[in-house]
C-alpha atoms as a PDB file:
ATOM      1  CA  MET A   1       0.000   0.000   0.000  1.00  0.00           C
ATOM      2  CA  GLU A   2       2.855   2.308   0.878  1.00  0.00           C
ATOM      3  CA  LYS A   3       4.509   1.565  -2.481  1.00  0.00           C
ATOM      4  CA  VAL A   4       1.297   2.383  -4.344  1.00  0.00           C
ATOM      5  CA  TYR A   5       0.975   5.631  -2.368  1.00  0.00           C
ATOM      6  CA  SER A   6       4.620   6.488  -3.059  1.00  0.00           C
ATOM      7  CA  ARG A   7       4.200   5.865  -6.797  1.00  0.00           C
ATOM      8  CA  ALA A   8       1.015   7.928  -6.910  1.00  0.00           C
ATOM      9  CA  LYS A   9       2.793  10.752  -5.123  1.00  0.00           C
ATOM     10  CA  LYS A  10       5.689  10.652  -7.605  1.00  0.00           C
ATOM     11  CA  ASN A  11       3.320  10.589 -10.587  1.00  0.00           C
ATOM     12  CA  SER A  12       1.354  13.445  -9.080  1.00  0.00           C
ATOM     13  CA  SER A  13       4.552  15.449  -8.652  1.00  0.00           C
ATOM     14  CA  LYS A  14       5.500  14.767 -12.287  1.00  0.00           C
ATOM     15  CA  ILE A  15       2.070  15.867 -13.510  1.00  0.00           C
ATOM     16  CA  CYS A  16       2.263  19.059 -11.422  1.00  0.00           C
ATOM     17  CA  PHE A  17       5.751  19.731 -12.777  1.00  0.00           C
ATOM     18  CA  VAL A  18       4.575  19.245 -16.384  1.00  0.00           C
ATOM     19  CA  VAL A  19       1.521  21.465 -15.825  1.00  0.00           C
ATOM     20  CA  ASP A  20       3.628  24.159 -14.150  1.00  0.00           C
ATOM     21  CA  SER A  21       6.210  23.970 -16.939  1.00  0.00           C
ATOM     22  CA  ALA A  22       3.486  24.269 -19.593  1.00  0.00           C
ATOM     23  CA  ALA A  23       2.000  27.263 -17.778  1.00  0.00           C
ATOM     24  CA  MET A  24       5.413  28.930 -17.626  1.00  0.00           C
ATOM     25  CA  VAL A  25       5.988  28.291 -21.334  1.00  0.00           C
ATOM     26  CA  ASN A  26       2.552  29.754 -22.142  1.00  0.00           C
ATOM     27  CA  ASP A  27       3.268  32.805 -19.975  1.00  0.00           C
ATOM     28  CA  GLU A  28       6.619  33.340 -21.687  1.00  0.00           C
ATOM     29  CA  HIS A  29       4.994  32.862 -25.086  1.00  0.00           C
ATOM     30  CA  ALA A  30       2.294  35.425 -24.237  1.00  0.00           C
ATOM     31  CA  LYS A  31       4.935  37.893 -23.011  1.00  0.00           C
ATOM     32  CA  ASP A  32       6.955  37.439 -26.211  1.00  0.00           C
ATOM     33  CA  ASN A  33       3.851  37.983 -28.352  1.00  0.00           C
ATOM     34  CA  PHE A  34       2.966  41.136 -26.408  1.00  0.00           C
ATOM     35  CA  LYS A  35       6.531  42.439 -26.693  1.00  0.00           C
ATOM     36  CA  ASP A  36       6.616  41.740 -30.453  1.00  0.00           C
ATOM     37  CA  ALA A  37       3.253  43.482 -30.932  1.00  0.00           C
ATOM     38  CA  ALA A  38       4.389  46.533 -28.930  1.00  0.00           C
ATOM     39  CA  ILE A  39       7.624  46.777 -30.931  1.00  0.00           C
ATOM     40  CA  ASP A  40       5.747  46.471 -34.247  1.00  0.00           C
ATOM     41  CA  PHE A  41       3.315  49.170 -33.052  1.00  0.00           C
ATOM     42  CA  ILE A  42       6.077  51.646 -32.139  1.00  0.00           C
ATOM     43  CA  ALA A  43       8.260  50.877 -35.172  1.00  0.00           C
ATOM     44  CA  GLY A  44       5.262  51.159 -37.507  1.00  0.00           C
ATOM     45  CA  SER A  45       4.354  54.545 -35.978  1.00  0.00           C
ATOM     46  CA  LEU A  46       7.887  55.900 -36.460  1.00  0.00           C
ATOM     47  CA  GLY A  47       7.961  54.602 -40.030  1.00  0.00           C
ATOM     48  CA  GLY A  48       4.639  56.319 -40.736  1.00  0.00           C
ATOM     49  CA  VAL A  49       5.988  59.701 -39.584  1.00  0.00           C
ATOM     50  CA  ALA A  50       9.086  59.340 -41.781  1.00  0.00           C
ATOM     51  CA  MET A  51       6.918  58.391 -44.759  1.00  0.00           C
ATOM     52  CA  VAL A  52       4.749  61.535 -44.459  1.00  0.00           C
ATOM     53  CA  LEU A  53       7.632  63.968 -43.980  1.00  0.00           C
ATOM     54  CA  VAL A  54       9.350  62.625 -47.099  1.00  0.00           C
ATOM     55  CA  GLY A  55       6.339  62.180 -49.379  1.00  0.00           C
ATOM     56  CA  GLN A  56       3.674  64.761 -48.417  1.00  0.00           C
ATOM     57  CA  PRO A  57       4.277  67.385 -51.178  1.00  0.00           C
ATOM     58  CA  LEU A  58       3.858  64.860 -53.979  1.00  0.00           C
ATOM     59  CA  ASP A  59       0.896  63.266 -52.184  1.00  0.00           C
ATOM     60  CA  THR A  60      -0.822  66.677 -52.327  1.00  0.00           C
ATOM     61  CA  VAL A  61      -0.059  66.881 -56.061  1.00  0.00           C
ATOM     62  CA  LYS A  62      -1.490  63.369 -56.527  1.00  0.00           C
ATOM     63  CA  VAL A  63      -4.787  64.195 -54.780  1.00  0.00           C
ATOM     64  CA  LYS A  64      -5.228  67.441 -56.754  1.00  0.00           C
ATOM     65  CA  MET A  65      -4.576  65.692 -60.078  1.00  0.00           C
ATOM     66  CA  GLN A  66      -6.940  62.835 -59.203  1.00  0.00           C
ATOM     67  CA  THR A  67      -9.787  65.129 -58.194  1.00  0.00           C
ATOM     68  CA  PHE A  68      -9.369  68.037 -60.629  1.00  0.00           C
ATOM     69  CA  PRO A  69      -7.704  66.588 -63.741  1.00  0.00           C
ATOM     70  CA  ALA A  70      -8.896  69.443 -65.994  1.00  0.00           C
ATOM     71  CA  LEU A  71      -7.115  72.111 -63.915  1.00  0.00           C
ATOM     72  CA  TYR A  72      -3.578  70.803 -64.325  1.00  0.00           C
ATOM     73  CA  GLN A  73      -1.436  69.897 -67.333  1.00  0.00           C
ATOM     74  CA  GLY A  74       0.770  67.473 -65.442  1.00  0.00           C
ATOM     75  CA  MET A  75       2.742  66.846 -62.278  1.00  0.00           C
ATOM     76  CA  ALA A  76       5.173  69.769 -62.745  1.00  0.00           C
ATOM     77  CA  HIS A  77       2.355  72.228 -63.542  1.00  0.00           C
ATOM     78  CA  CYS A  78       0.326  71.150 -60.507  1.00  0.00           C
ATOM     79  CA  PHE A  79       3.390  71.397 -58.256  1.00  0.00           C
ATOM     80  CA  GLN A  80       4.266  74.892 -59.560  1.00  0.00           C
ATOM     81  CA  GLN A  81       0.697  76.207 -59.275  1.00  0.00           C
ATOM     82  CA  THR A  82       0.260  74.868 -55.762  1.00  0.00           C
ATOM     83  CA  LEU A  83       3.599  76.334 -54.656  1.00  0.00           C
ATOM     84  CA  LYS A  84       2.853  79.691 -56.321  1.00  0.00           C
ATOM     85  CA  LYS A  85      -0.736  80.140 -55.080  1.00  0.00           C
ATOM     86  CA  GLU A  86      -0.641  78.395 -51.699  1.00  0.00           C
ATOM     87  CA  GLY A  87       2.998  78.171 -50.675  1.00  0.00           C
ATOM     88  CA  ILE A  88       4.837  75.317 -48.969  1.00  0.00           C
ATOM     89  CA  ALA A  89       3.126  74.999 -45.590  1.00  0.00           C
ATOM     90  CA  ARG A  90      -0.473  75.710 -46.652  1.00  0.00           C
ATOM     91  CA  GLY A  91      -0.076  74.245 -50.127  1.00  0.00           C
ATOM     92  CA  LEU A  92       2.377  71.403 -50.633  1.00  0.00           C
ATOM     93  CA  TYR A  93       2.230  70.379 -46.976  1.00  0.00           C
ATOM     94  CA  ALA A  94      -1.531  70.914 -46.599  1.00  0.00           C
ATOM     95  CA  GLY A  95      -3.051  68.145 -44.531  1.00  0.00           C
ATOM     96  CA  THR A  96       0.272  67.156 -42.979  1.00  0.00           C
ATOM     97  CA  VAL A  97      -1.112  66.908 -39.443  1.00  0.00           C
ATOM     98  CA  PRO A  98      -4.001  64.568 -40.375  1.00  0.00           C
ATOM     99  CA  SER A  99      -1.647  62.794 -42.752  1.00  0.00           C
ATOM    100  CA  ILE A 100       0.802  62.065 -39.920  1.00  0.00           C
ATOM    101  CA  ILE A 101      -2.103  61.003 -37.701  1.00  0.00           C
ATOM    102  CA  ALA A 102      -3.439  58.835 -40.541  1.00  0.00           C
ATOM    103  CA  ASN A 103      -0.095  57.208 -41.248  1.00  0.00           C
ATOM    104  CA  VAL A 104       0.791  56.682 -37.596  1.00  0.00           C
ATOM    105  CA  ALA A 105      -2.669  55.202 -36.977  1.00  0.00           C
ATOM    106  CA  GLU A 106      -2.547  53.073 -40.116  1.00  0.00           C
ATOM    107  CA  ASN A 107       1.051  51.866 -39.898  1.00  0.00           C
ATOM    108  CA  SER A 108       1.005  51.146 -36.163  1.00  0.00           C
ATOM    109  CA  VAL A 109      -2.091  48.966 -36.608  1.00  0.00           C
ATOM    110  CA  LEU A 110      -0.917  47.629 -39.980  1.00  0.00           C
ATOM    111  CA  PHE A 111       2.515  46.454 -38.810  1.00  0.00           C
ATOM    112  CA  THR A 112       1.134  45.135 -35.525  1.00  0.00           C
ATOM    113  CA  GLY A 113      -1.514  43.216 -37.465  1.00  0.00           C
ATOM    114  CA  TYR A 114       1.053  42.109 -40.034  1.00  0.00           C
ATOM    115  CA  GLY A 115       3.309  40.603 -37.367  1.00  0.00           C
ATOM    116  CA  ALA A 116       0.346  38.847 -35.716  1.00  0.00           C
ATOM    117  CA  CYS A 117      -1.003  37.568 -39.048  1.00  0.00           C
ATOM    118  CA  GLN A 118       2.457  36.305 -40.010  1.00  0.00           C
ATOM    119  CA  LYS A 119       2.466  34.167 -36.857  1.00  0.00           C
ATOM    120  CA  ILE A 120      -1.023  32.839 -37.618  1.00  0.00           C
ATOM    121  CA  VAL A 121      -0.064  31.960 -41.209  1.00  0.00           C
ATOM    122  CA  ALA A 122       3.182  30.369 -39.941  1.00  0.00           C
ATOM    123  CA  ASN A 123       1.223  28.217 -37.453  1.00  0.00           C
ATOM    124  CA  ILE A 124      -1.252  27.122 -40.134  1.00  0.00           C
ATOM    125  CA  THR A 125       1.531  26.226 -42.593  1.00  0.00           C
ATOM    126  CA  SER A 126       3.859  24.784 -39.876  1.00  0.00           C
ATOM    127  CA  GLN A 127       6.691  27.185 -40.718  1.00  0.00           C
ATOM    128  CA  ARG A 128       8.782  29.759 -38.925  1.00  0.00           C
ATOM    129  CA  THR A 129       7.738  33.361 -39.638  1.00  0.00           C
ATOM    130  CA  GLU A 130      11.172  34.140 -41.114  1.00  0.00           C
ATOM    131  CA  ASP A 131      10.721  31.264 -43.608  1.00  0.00           C
ATOM    132  CA  LEU A 132       7.372  32.444 -45.007  1.00  0.00           C
ATOM    133  CA  GLY A 133       7.283  32.911 -48.778  1.00  0.00           C
ATOM    134  CA  ILE A 134       5.910  35.743 -50.910  1.00  0.00           C
ATOM    135  CA  VAL A 135       2.301  34.493 -50.994  1.00  0.00           C
ATOM    136  CA  ALA A 136       2.229  33.755 -47.253  1.00  0.00           C
ATOM    137  CA  ASN A 137       3.603  37.202 -46.378  1.00  0.00           C
ATOM    138  CA  GLY A 138       1.206  38.806 -48.847  1.00  0.00           C
ATOM    139  CA  THR A 139      -1.705  36.963 -47.212  1.00  0.00           C
ATOM    140  CA  ALA A 140      -0.637  38.282 -43.804  1.00  0.00           C
ATOM    141  CA  GLY A 141      -0.568  41.814 -45.239  1.00  0.00           C
ATOM    142  CA  PHE A 142      -3.998  41.336 -46.834  1.00  0.00           C
ATOM    143  CA  PHE A 143      -5.685  40.520 -43.521  1.00  0.00           C
ATOM    144  CA  ALA A 144      -3.701  43.099 -41.538  1.00  0.00           C
ATOM    145  CA  ALA A 145      -4.959  45.821 -43.909  1.00  0.00           C
ATOM    146  CA  PHE A 146      -8.578  45.053 -42.972  1.00  0.00           C
ATOM    147  CA  PHE A 147      -7.965  46.376 -39.446  1.00  0.00           C
ATOM    148  CA  SER A 148      -5.799  49.335 -40.458  1.00  0.00           C
ATOM    149  CA  SER A 149      -8.432  50.563 -42.965  1.00  0.00           C
ATOM    150  CA  PHE A 150     -10.780  51.524 -40.125  1.00  0.00           C
ATOM    151  CA  THR A 151      -8.127  53.756 -38.560  1.00  0.00           C
ATOM    152  CA  LEU A 152      -7.030  55.183 -41.915  1.00  0.00           C
ATOM    153  CA  CYS A 153     -10.362  56.148 -43.504  1.00  0.00           C
ATOM    154  CA  PRO A 154     -11.420  59.086 -41.245  1.00  0.00           C
ATOM    155  CA  THR A 155      -7.979  60.689 -41.092  1.00  0.00           C
ATOM    156  CA  GLU A 156      -7.357  60.277 -44.825  1.00  0.00           C
ATOM    157  CA  LEU A 157     -10.765  61.834 -45.532  1.00  0.00           C
ATOM    158  CA  ILE A 158      -9.696  64.974 -43.630  1.00  0.00           C
ATOM    159  CA  LYS A 159      -6.277  64.964 -45.325  1.00  0.00           C
ATOM    160  CA  CYS A 160      -7.720  64.732 -48.850  1.00  0.00           C
ATOM    161  CA  GLN A 161     -10.294  67.473 -48.225  1.00  0.00           C
ATOM    162  CA  LEU A 162      -7.626  69.802 -46.820  1.00  0.00           C
ATOM    163  CA  GLN A 163      -5.363  69.143 -49.810  1.00  0.00           C
ATOM    164  CA  ALA A 164      -8.117  69.946 -52.344  1.00  0.00           C
ATOM    165  CA  MET A 165      -9.876  72.692 -50.342  1.00  0.00           C
ATOM    166  CA  ARG A 166      -8.886  75.600 -52.613  1.00  0.00           C
ATOM    167  CA  GLU A 167     -10.096  73.851 -55.767  1.00  0.00           C
ATOM    168  CA  MET A 168     -13.380  72.790 -54.126  1.00  0.00           C
ATOM    169  CA  GLN A 169     -14.163  76.331 -52.946  1.00  0.00           C
ATOM    170  CA  MET A 170     -13.226  77.867 -56.291  1.00  0.00           C
ATOM    171  CA  ARG A 171     -16.176  76.028 -57.857  1.00  0.00           C
ATOM    172  CA  SER A 172     -18.722  78.122 -55.945  1.00  0.00           C
ATOM    173  CA  LEU A 173     -16.899  81.375 -55.091  1.00  0.00           C
ATOM    174  CA  GLU A 174     -18.453  84.659 -56.200  1.00  0.00           C
ATOM    175  CA  PRO A 175     -16.171  87.290 -57.804  1.00  0.00           C
ATOM    176  CA  GLY A 176     -14.105  89.010 -55.103  1.00  0.00           C
ATOM    177  CA  GLN A 177     -14.559  86.253 -52.542  1.00  0.00           C
ATOM    178  CA  ASN A 178     -11.508  84.611 -51.047  1.00  0.00           C
ATOM    179  CA  VAL A 179     -10.860  80.984 -50.245  1.00  0.00           C
ATOM    180  CA  VAL A 180     -11.493  80.225 -46.558  1.00  0.00           C
ATOM    181  CA  LYS A 181      -8.895  77.878 -45.114  1.00  0.00           C
ATOM    182  CA  LEU A 182     -10.045  75.449 -42.441  1.00  0.00           C
ATOM    183  CA  GLY A 183      -7.732  73.514 -40.165  1.00  0.00           C
ATOM    184  CA  PRO A 184      -7.985  69.771 -39.420  1.00  0.00           C
ATOM    185  CA  TYR A 185      -9.955  70.273 -36.198  1.00  0.00           C
ATOM    186  CA  SER A 186     -12.428  72.777 -37.729  1.00  0.00           C
ATOM    187  CA  LEU A 187     -12.993  70.576 -40.770  1.00  0.00           C
ATOM    188  CA  THR A 188     -13.580  67.511 -38.586  1.00  0.00           C
ATOM    189  CA  GLN A 189     -16.113  69.448 -36.503  1.00  0.00           C
ATOM    190  CA  LYS A 190     -17.893  70.638 -39.654  1.00  0.00           C
ATOM    191  CA  ILE A 191     -18.219  67.086 -41.051  1.00  0.00           C
ATOM    192  CA  ILE A 192     -19.519  65.715 -37.737  1.00  0.00           C
ATOM    193  CA  GLN A 193     -22.061  68.555 -37.430  1.00  0.00           C
ATOM    194  CA  GLN A 194     -23.331  68.042 -40.974  1.00  0.00           C
ATOM    195  CA  GLU A 195     -23.190  64.260 -41.319  1.00  0.00           C
ATOM    196  CA  GLY A 196     -22.415  62.804 -37.907  1.00  0.00           C
ATOM    197  CA  ILE A 197     -19.718  60.208 -37.206  1.00  0.00           C
ATOM    198  CA  PRO A 198     -20.637  58.139 -40.327  1.00  0.00           C
ATOM    199  CA  GLY A 199     -19.541  61.138 -42.413  1.00  0.00           C
ATOM    200  CA  LEU A 200     -15.950  60.517 -41.315  1.00  0.00           C
ATOM    201  CA  PHE A 201     -16.123  57.018 -42.812  1.00  0.00           C
ATOM    202  CA  ARG A 202     -17.155  58.121 -46.296  1.00  0.00           C
ATOM    203  CA  GLY A 203     -15.089  56.083 -48.731  1.00  0.00           C
ATOM    204  CA  LEU A 204     -14.585  53.137 -46.348  1.00  0.00           C
ATOM    205  CA  THR A 205     -15.589  50.577 -48.990  1.00  0.00           C
ATOM    206  CA  SER A 206     -13.108  51.959 -51.503  1.00  0.00           C
ATOM    207  CA  THR A 207     -10.467  52.201 -48.757  1.00  0.00           C
ATOM    208  CA  LEU A 208     -10.907  48.491 -47.978  1.00  0.00           C
ATOM    209  CA  ALA A 209     -10.902  47.683 -51.711  1.00  0.00           C
ATOM    210  CA  ARG A 210      -7.632  49.561 -52.051  1.00  0.00           C
ATOM    211  CA  GLU A 211      -5.856  48.506 -48.867  1.00  0.00           C
ATOM    212  CA  MET A 212      -6.494  44.753 -48.656  1.00  0.00           C
ATOM    213  CA  PRO A 213      -5.392  43.624 -52.135  1.00  0.00           C
ATOM    214  CA  GLY A 214      -2.857  46.466 -52.215  1.00  0.00           C
ATOM    215  CA  TYR A 215      -1.072  45.276 -49.088  1.00  0.00           C
ATOM    216  CA  PHE A 216      -1.031  41.703 -50.362  1.00  0.00           C
ATOM    217  CA  PHE A 217       1.227  42.942 -53.163  1.00  0.00           C
ATOM    218  CA  PHE A 218       2.978  45.531 -50.955  1.00  0.00           C
ATOM    219  CA  PHE A 219       4.271  43.068 -48.371  1.00  0.00           C
ATOM    220  CA  GLY A 220       4.656  40.276 -50.922  1.00  0.00           C
ATOM    221  CA  GLY A 221       6.769  42.577 -53.110  1.00  0.00           C
ATOM    222  CA  TYR A 222       8.797  43.847 -50.161  1.00  0.00           C
ATOM    223  CA  GLU A 223       9.569  40.417 -48.707  1.00  0.00           C
ATOM    224  CA  GLY A 224      10.193  38.936 -52.158  1.00  0.00           C
ATOM    225  CA  THR A 225      12.685  41.702 -53.003  1.00  0.00           C
ATOM    226  CA  ARG A 226      14.436  41.216 -49.649  1.00  0.00           C
ATOM    227  CA  GLU A 227      14.848  37.535 -50.495  1.00  0.00           C
ATOM    228  CA  LEU A 228      16.331  38.353 -53.890  1.00  0.00           C
ATOM    229  CA  LEU A 229      18.741  40.855 -52.343  1.00  0.00           C
ATOM    230  CA  THR A 230      19.876  38.552 -49.521  1.00  0.00           C
ATOM    231  CA  PRO A 231      23.512  37.438 -50.052  1.00  0.00           C
ATOM    232  CA  PRO A 232      24.300  33.709 -49.677  1.00  0.00           C
ATOM    233  CA  GLY A 233      24.750  32.637 -46.079  1.00  0.00           C
ATOM    234  CA  LYS A 234      22.861  35.616 -44.658  1.00  0.00           C
ATOM    235  CA  THR A 235      19.256  36.281 -43.583  1.00  0.00           C
ATOM    236  CA  LYS A 236      16.822  38.948 -44.798  1.00  0.00           C
ATOM    237  CA  ASP A 237      17.455  40.903 -41.599  1.00  0.00           C
ATOM    238  CA  GLU A 238      21.135  41.230 -42.497  1.00  0.00           C
ATOM    239  CA  ILE A 239      20.831  42.876 -45.921  1.00  0.00           C
ATOM    240  CA  GLY A 240      21.648  46.377 -44.624  1.00  0.00           C
ATOM    241  CA  PRO A 241      19.926  49.771 -44.914  1.00  0.00           C
ATOM    242  CA  PHE A 242      20.396  50.378 -48.662  1.00  0.00           C
ATOM    243  CA  ARG A 243      18.925  47.045 -49.763  1.00  0.00           C
ATOM    244  CA  THR A 244      16.087  47.456 -47.241  1.00  0.00           C
ATOM    245  CA  MET A 245      15.270  50.819 -48.852  1.00  0.00           C
ATOM    246  CA  ILE A 246      15.299  49.250 -52.339  1.00  0.00           C
ATOM    247  CA  ALA A 247      12.907  46.506 -51.162  1.00  0.00           C
ATOM    248  CA  GLY A 248      10.619  49.131 -49.606  1.00  0.00           C
ATOM    249  CA  ALA A 249      10.585  51.208 -52.793  1.00  0.00           C
ATOM    250  CA  VAL A 250       9.746  48.121 -54.900  1.00  0.00           C
ATOM    251  CA  GLY A 251       6.885  47.168 -52.562  1.00  0.00           C
ATOM    252  CA  GLY A 252       5.495  50.707 -52.736  1.00  0.00           C
ATOM    253  CA  MET A 253       5.661  50.901 -56.532  1.00  0.00           C
ATOM    254  CA  ILE A 254       3.908  47.544 -56.927  1.00  0.00           C
ATOM    255  CA  PHE A 255       1.212  48.652 -54.446  1.00  0.00           C
ATOM    256  CA  TRP A 256       0.356  51.909 -56.224  1.00  0.00           C
ATOM    257  CA  THR A 257       0.591  50.576 -59.779  1.00  0.00           C
ATOM    258  CA  ILE A 258      -1.958  47.856 -59.036  1.00  0.00           C
ATOM    259  CA  ILE A 259      -4.497  49.730 -56.899  1.00  0.00           C
ATOM    260  CA  PHE A 260      -4.315  53.256 -58.362  1.00  0.00           C
ATOM    261  CA  PRO A 261      -7.737  53.312 -60.111  1.00  0.00           C
ATOM    262  CA  VAL A 262      -9.405  52.426 -56.795  1.00  0.00           C
ATOM    263  CA  ASP A 263      -7.439  55.219 -55.109  1.00  0.00           C
ATOM    264  CA  VAL A 264      -8.743  57.706 -57.695  1.00  0.00           C
ATOM    265  CA  VAL A 265     -12.310  56.614 -56.905  1.00  0.00           C
ATOM    266  CA  LYS A 266     -11.650  56.917 -53.161  1.00  0.00           C
ATOM    267  CA  SER A 267     -10.252  60.443 -53.568  1.00  0.00           C
ATOM    268  CA  ARG A 268     -13.286  61.565 -55.610  1.00  0.00           C
ATOM    269  CA  ILE A 269     -15.725  60.114 -53.060  1.00  0.00           C
ATOM    270  CA  GLN A 270     -13.943  61.676 -50.091  1.00  0.00           C
ATOM    271  CA  VAL A 271     -13.124  65.094 -51.563  1.00  0.00           C
ATOM    272  CA  GLU A 272     -16.481  65.667 -53.270  1.00  0.00           C
ATOM    273  CA  GLY A 273     -18.548  64.032 -50.514  1.00  0.00           C
ATOM    274  CA  LEU A 274     -20.189  61.608 -52.951  1.00  0.00           C
ATOM    275  CA  ARG A 275     -22.800  59.172 -51.678  1.00  0.00           C
ATOM    276  CA  ASP A 276     -22.643  56.952 -54.779  1.00  0.00           C
ATOM    277  CA  SER A 277     -21.216  53.452 -54.607  1.00  0.00           C
ATOM    278  CA  MET A 278     -17.599  52.814 -55.498  1.00  0.00           C
ATOM    279  CA  THR A 279     -18.630  50.870 -58.621  1.00  0.00           C
ATOM    280  CA  SER A 280     -20.910  53.628 -59.944  1.00  0.00           C
ATOM    281  CA  VAL A 281     -18.221  56.292 -59.434  1.00  0.00           C
ATOM    282  CA  LEU A 282     -15.656  54.085 -61.179  1.00  0.00           C
ATOM    283  CA  LEU A 283     -17.972  53.498 -64.169  1.00  0.00           C
ATOM    284  CA  ARG A 284     -18.898  57.204 -64.398  1.00  0.00           C
ATOM    285  CA  ILE A 285     -15.239  58.266 -64.492  1.00  0.00           C
ATOM    286  CA  PHE A 286     -14.528  55.614 -67.139  1.00  0.00           C
ATOM    287  CA  ARG A 287     -17.510  56.631 -69.350  1.00  0.00           C
ATOM    288  CA  GLN A 288     -17.195  60.398 -69.022  1.00  0.00           C
ATOM    289  CA  GLU A 289     -13.426  60.901 -68.798  1.00  0.00           C
ATOM    290  CA  GLY A 290     -11.919  57.726 -70.222  1.00  0.00           C
ATOM    291  CA  ILE A 291      -9.616  55.114 -68.730  1.00  0.00           C
ATOM    292  CA  THR A 292      -6.687  57.546 -68.502  1.00  0.00           C
ATOM    293  CA  ALA A 293      -8.596  59.520 -65.838  1.00  0.00           C
ATOM    294  CA  LEU A 294      -8.246  56.492 -63.556  1.00  0.00           C
ATOM    295  CA  TYR A 295      -4.477  57.007 -63.679  1.00  0.00           C
ATOM    296  CA  ASN A 296      -4.356  60.784 -63.126  1.00  0.00           C
ATOM    297  CA  GLY A 297      -1.716  61.439 -60.504  1.00  0.00           C
ATOM    298  CA  LEU A 298       0.100  58.119 -60.954  1.00  0.00           C
ATOM    299  CA  GLN A 299       3.359  59.809 -61.963  1.00  0.00           C
ATOM    300  CA  PRO A 300       3.773  61.922 -58.782  1.00  0.00           C
ATOM    301  CA  THR A 301       2.618  58.938 -56.752  1.00  0.00           C
ATOM    302  CA  LEU A 302       5.364  56.676 -58.109  1.00  0.00           C
ATOM    303  CA  VAL A 303       7.960  59.441 -57.819  1.00  0.00           C
ATOM    304  CA  ARG A 304       6.860  60.005 -54.212  1.00  0.00           C
ATOM    305  CA  THR A 305       6.613  56.358 -53.181  1.00  0.00           C
ATOM    306  CA  ILE A 306      10.254  55.554 -53.967  1.00  0.00           C
ATOM    307  CA  PRO A 307      11.748  57.724 -51.195  1.00  0.00           C
ATOM    308  CA  ALA A 308       8.634  57.548 -48.975  1.00  0.00           C
ATOM    309  CA  THR A 309       8.340  53.758 -48.683  1.00  0.00           C
ATOM    310  CA  ALA A 310      12.127  53.444 -48.625  1.00  0.00           C
ATOM    311  CA  ALA A 311      12.090  55.727 -45.564  1.00  0.00           C
ATOM    312  CA  LEU A 312       9.140  53.828 -44.062  1.00  0.00           C
ATOM    313  CA  PHE A 313      10.877  50.450 -44.107  1.00  0.00           C
ATOM    314  CA  LEU A 314      14.307  51.819 -43.216  1.00  0.00           C
ATOM    315  CA  VAL A 315      12.929  53.467 -40.063  1.00  0.00           C
ATOM    316  CA  TYR A 316      10.645  50.487 -39.317  1.00  0.00           C
ATOM    317  CA  GLU A 317      13.358  47.827 -39.596  1.00  0.00           C
ATOM    318  CA  THR A 318      16.015  49.940 -37.833  1.00  0.00           C
ATOM    319  CA  SER A 319      13.801  50.921 -34.889  1.00  0.00           C
ATOM    320  CA  LYS A 320      12.497  47.343 -34.640  1.00  0.00           C
ATOM    321  CA  LYS A 321      16.045  45.989 -34.268  1.00  0.00           C
ATOM    322  CA  MET A 322      16.939  48.687 -31.735  1.00  0.00           C
ATOM    323  CA  LEU A 323      13.832  48.017 -29.645  1.00  0.00           C
ATOM    324  CA  HIS A 324      14.414  44.244 -29.676  1.00  0.00           C
ATOM    325  CA  SER A 325      18.001  44.854 -28.589  1.00  0.00           C
ATOM    326  CA  LEU A 326      16.917  47.181 -25.756  1.00  0.00           C
ATOM    327  CA  LEU A 327      14.167  44.889 -24.504  1.00  0.00           C
ATOM    328  CA  SER A 328      16.018  41.583 -24.812  1.00  0.00           C
END
């Protein structure tokens, strides 16, 4: 009887040890996941700020050309007219504050979601996250963009309306009247008073239609380029700043080239306050203005995205490594 009791006690101790060990492993795993998510959140935010500061002037040119194609003869003409009539701060950098808020909100959620979705895809496919291929990384980006779209839509609405405010007011100004400039806060208040909170989410459908497939190609292109640029015997994390910037620029160019017509539709809906569906706006632009209208502003967008997304990924990857080093 004593032997049986002794064995039972030993087995019980083993079970308790296994359970305790499993609990400790789960706790450590949860802590690691939380730490990774926090690092992705901070690094994505910093990357978003860098992206705006580098690319905002040409983003303003893009929005103006998308929304008012008849007013400008090309990228250089739009840039010159905006600089001449509105200046740098109120013209080329119009909407910078909401743009920074939009990009910080979007990229913090996007990169946090991307890291989490990478882990989910890796678990499903029984791989390590660093071994995921182009399609797997693109899939992670696709689902991460669903969440970031809800943070992006309201702030990008404000940004686009601020960027095109002069042209919108010129449509209805009487002779002698001047353009009235509103700030981000005043414009947000005006939209909420007139349309309520749903007014801030005008263009959400087209935002989702742009972001989700766009980020499939964005992250797929970025990770695929990193793989191609990785020297033998090294990992993607060891390719250095210059190659990281090249990979970021490639991802950005692929993103905009593929989704640009949807971005044109989104800009029209948000700037003009349209209540029509995305499909009807797309068809109307195609019938009335031709297919080339769906690519108005593509040139400044591609010119902008090379340094902007290069800066985004350089700051993201660098700050991510620094934070991991500090917190390890």
